[in-house]
N, C-alpha and C. Protein backbone atom coordinates (compact mmCIF):
# COMPACT_ATOMS: atom_id res chain seq x y z
N UNK A 1 2.17 2.18 -7.82
CA UNK A 1 0.77 2.09 -8.09
C UNK A 1 0.05 2.72 -6.90
N UNK A 2 -0.95 3.53 -7.18
CA UNK A 2 -1.73 4.16 -6.13
C UNK A 2 -3.20 3.82 -6.31
N UNK A 3 -3.83 3.48 -5.21
CA UNK A 3 -5.26 3.19 -5.20
C UNK A 3 -5.89 4.09 -4.15
N UNK A 4 -6.95 4.79 -4.53
CA UNK A 4 -7.65 5.65 -3.57
C UNK A 4 -9.15 5.54 -3.78
N UNK A 5 -9.90 5.96 -2.77
CA UNK A 5 -11.36 5.94 -2.86
C UNK A 5 -11.93 7.18 -2.18
N UNK A 6 -13.24 7.29 -2.19
CA UNK A 6 -13.90 8.42 -1.55
C UNK A 6 -14.79 7.96 -0.40
N UNK A 7 -14.42 6.84 0.20
CA UNK A 7 -15.18 6.27 1.31
C UNK A 7 -14.90 6.97 2.63
N UNK A 8 -15.15 6.28 3.74
CA UNK A 8 -15.01 6.89 5.06
C UNK A 8 -13.56 7.08 5.51
N UNK A 9 -12.60 6.57 4.78
CA UNK A 9 -11.20 6.72 5.16
C UNK A 9 -10.73 5.62 6.10
N UNK A 10 -9.52 5.78 6.56
CA UNK A 10 -8.91 4.79 7.45
C UNK A 10 -9.19 5.15 8.90
N UNK A 11 -9.28 4.15 9.76
CA UNK A 11 -9.47 4.45 11.19
C UNK A 11 -8.25 5.15 11.78
N UNK A 12 -8.48 5.94 12.80
CA UNK A 12 -7.37 6.63 13.47
C UNK A 12 -6.35 5.61 13.96
N UNK A 13 -5.09 5.91 13.73
CA UNK A 13 -4.02 5.03 14.18
C UNK A 13 -3.82 3.79 13.33
N UNK A 14 -4.41 3.74 12.14
CA UNK A 14 -4.27 2.57 11.27
C UNK A 14 -2.81 2.34 10.93
N UNK A 15 -2.36 1.11 11.07
CA UNK A 15 -0.98 0.72 10.75
C UNK A 15 -1.03 -0.57 9.96
N UNK A 16 -0.66 -0.55 8.67
CA UNK A 16 -0.70 -1.77 7.86
C UNK A 16 0.10 -2.92 8.47
N UNK A 17 1.19 -2.59 9.16
CA UNK A 17 2.02 -3.65 9.76
C UNK A 17 1.28 -4.38 10.87
N UNK A 18 0.29 -3.76 11.46
CA UNK A 18 -0.47 -4.39 12.54
C UNK A 18 -1.83 -4.92 12.07
N UNK A 19 -2.17 -4.67 10.81
CA UNK A 19 -3.46 -5.11 10.29
C UNK A 19 -3.52 -6.63 10.27
N UNK A 20 -4.68 -7.17 10.57
CA UNK A 20 -4.84 -8.62 10.65
C UNK A 20 -5.51 -9.20 9.41
N UNK A 21 -5.97 -8.34 8.51
CA UNK A 21 -6.65 -8.83 7.31
C UNK A 21 -5.70 -9.52 6.34
N UNK A 22 -6.18 -10.57 5.72
CA UNK A 22 -5.35 -11.35 4.79
C UNK A 22 -4.91 -10.50 3.61
N UNK A 23 -5.80 -9.69 3.06
CA UNK A 23 -5.46 -8.87 1.90
C UNK A 23 -4.31 -7.92 2.19
N UNK A 24 -4.36 -7.26 3.34
CA UNK A 24 -3.29 -6.32 3.71
C UNK A 24 -1.98 -7.06 3.93
N UNK A 25 -2.03 -8.23 4.53
CA UNK A 25 -0.83 -9.02 4.74
C UNK A 25 -0.21 -9.45 3.41
N UNK A 26 -1.04 -9.84 2.46
CA UNK A 26 -0.53 -10.23 1.14
C UNK A 26 0.13 -9.05 0.45
N UNK A 27 -0.50 -7.87 0.51
CA UNK A 27 0.10 -6.67 -0.09
C UNK A 27 1.46 -6.36 0.52
N UNK A 28 1.55 -6.42 1.83
CA UNK A 28 2.82 -6.14 2.50
C UNK A 28 3.90 -7.16 2.12
N UNK A 29 3.54 -8.42 2.10
CA UNK A 29 4.50 -9.47 1.76
C UNK A 29 5.04 -9.29 0.35
N UNK A 30 4.14 -9.08 -0.63
CA UNK A 30 4.60 -8.91 -2.01
C UNK A 30 5.46 -7.66 -2.16
N UNK A 31 5.06 -6.57 -1.54
CA UNK A 31 5.85 -5.33 -1.64
C UNK A 31 7.25 -5.55 -1.07
N UNK A 32 7.34 -6.18 0.06
CA UNK A 32 8.65 -6.40 0.69
C UNK A 32 9.50 -7.39 -0.09
N UNK A 33 8.87 -8.42 -0.67
CA UNK A 33 9.63 -9.39 -1.46
C UNK A 33 10.27 -8.72 -2.67
N UNK A 34 9.64 -7.65 -3.16
CA UNK A 34 10.16 -6.95 -4.34
C UNK A 34 10.92 -5.69 -3.94
N UNK A 35 11.44 -5.67 -2.72
CA UNK A 35 12.22 -4.53 -2.21
C UNK A 35 11.46 -3.22 -2.31
N UNK A 36 10.16 -3.27 -2.10
CA UNK A 36 9.32 -2.08 -2.17
C UNK A 36 8.69 -1.76 -0.83
N UNK A 37 7.61 -1.04 -0.88
CA UNK A 37 6.93 -0.67 0.34
C UNK A 37 5.48 -0.33 0.10
N UNK A 38 4.78 -0.11 1.18
CA UNK A 38 3.36 0.24 1.14
C UNK A 38 3.17 1.47 2.01
N UNK A 39 2.62 2.51 1.42
CA UNK A 39 2.36 3.76 2.10
C UNK A 39 0.86 3.98 2.12
N UNK A 40 0.36 4.66 3.13
CA UNK A 40 -1.08 4.91 3.21
C UNK A 40 -1.35 6.29 3.79
N UNK A 41 -2.57 6.75 3.57
CA UNK A 41 -2.98 8.05 4.09
C UNK A 41 -4.33 8.42 3.53
N UNK A 42 -4.74 9.65 3.75
CA UNK A 42 -6.03 10.09 3.21
C UNK A 42 -5.91 10.38 1.71
N UNK A 43 -6.99 10.14 0.99
CA UNK A 43 -7.00 10.46 -0.44
C UNK A 43 -7.43 11.91 -0.63
N UNK A 44 -7.24 12.40 -1.83
CA UNK A 44 -7.66 13.76 -2.16
C UNK A 44 -9.17 13.90 -2.11
N UNK A 45 -9.87 12.79 -2.18
CA UNK A 45 -11.34 12.81 -2.20
C UNK A 45 -11.93 12.49 -0.83
N UNK A 46 -11.11 12.46 0.20
CA UNK A 46 -11.61 12.26 1.55
C UNK A 46 -11.58 10.82 2.05
N UNK A 47 -11.28 9.88 1.19
CA UNK A 47 -11.26 8.47 1.59
C UNK A 47 -9.85 8.02 1.95
N UNK A 48 -9.54 6.80 1.59
CA UNK A 48 -8.24 6.20 1.87
C UNK A 48 -7.39 6.16 0.61
N UNK A 49 -6.07 6.18 0.82
CA UNK A 49 -5.13 6.06 -0.28
C UNK A 49 -4.03 5.09 0.12
N UNK A 50 -3.72 4.17 -0.78
CA UNK A 50 -2.60 3.26 -0.60
C UNK A 50 -1.69 3.38 -1.81
N UNK A 51 -0.39 3.43 -1.56
CA UNK A 51 0.60 3.51 -2.63
C UNK A 51 1.59 2.38 -2.45
N UNK A 52 1.74 1.57 -3.48
CA UNK A 52 2.70 0.47 -3.47
C UNK A 52 3.85 0.87 -4.38
N UNK A 53 5.06 0.79 -3.86
CA UNK A 53 6.25 1.05 -4.66
C UNK A 53 7.07 -0.23 -4.74
N UNK A 54 7.53 -0.54 -5.94
CA UNK A 54 8.31 -1.75 -6.17
C UNK A 54 9.60 -1.38 -6.88
N UNK A 55 10.65 -2.09 -6.59
CA UNK A 55 11.94 -1.86 -7.25
C UNK A 55 12.02 -2.79 -8.47
N UNK A 56 12.33 -2.19 -9.61
CA UNK A 56 12.48 -2.96 -10.83
C UNK A 56 13.91 -3.45 -10.94
N UNK A 57 14.06 -4.64 -11.48
CA UNK A 57 15.38 -5.20 -11.74
C UNK A 57 15.95 -4.47 -12.96
N UNK A 58 17.08 -3.82 -12.81
CA UNK A 58 17.68 -3.05 -13.89
C UNK A 58 17.92 -3.91 -15.13
N UNK A 59 18.32 -5.15 -14.95
CA UNK A 59 18.58 -6.05 -16.08
C UNK A 59 17.29 -6.39 -16.81
N UNK A 60 16.20 -6.52 -16.08
CA UNK A 60 14.92 -6.88 -16.69
C UNK A 60 14.31 -5.71 -17.46
N UNK A 61 14.63 -4.47 -17.08
CA UNK A 61 14.02 -3.33 -17.73
C UNK A 61 14.78 -2.86 -18.96
N UNK A 62 15.90 -3.50 -19.29
CA UNK A 62 16.70 -3.11 -20.47
C UNK A 62 16.16 -3.74 -21.71
């Protein structure tokens, strides 16, 4: 899942692992619990982009 905006973007040196906000911590925890990850960077529209990747259980997807 990817979420992006056209806002001011992320501050220089932004690191989700060091973020103190509750929302970012919840996103990181859920992504890691599901053997996934959280990637970030600039969006195509000049703002911020976050991409969450999750691993699906092969048995559940059959």
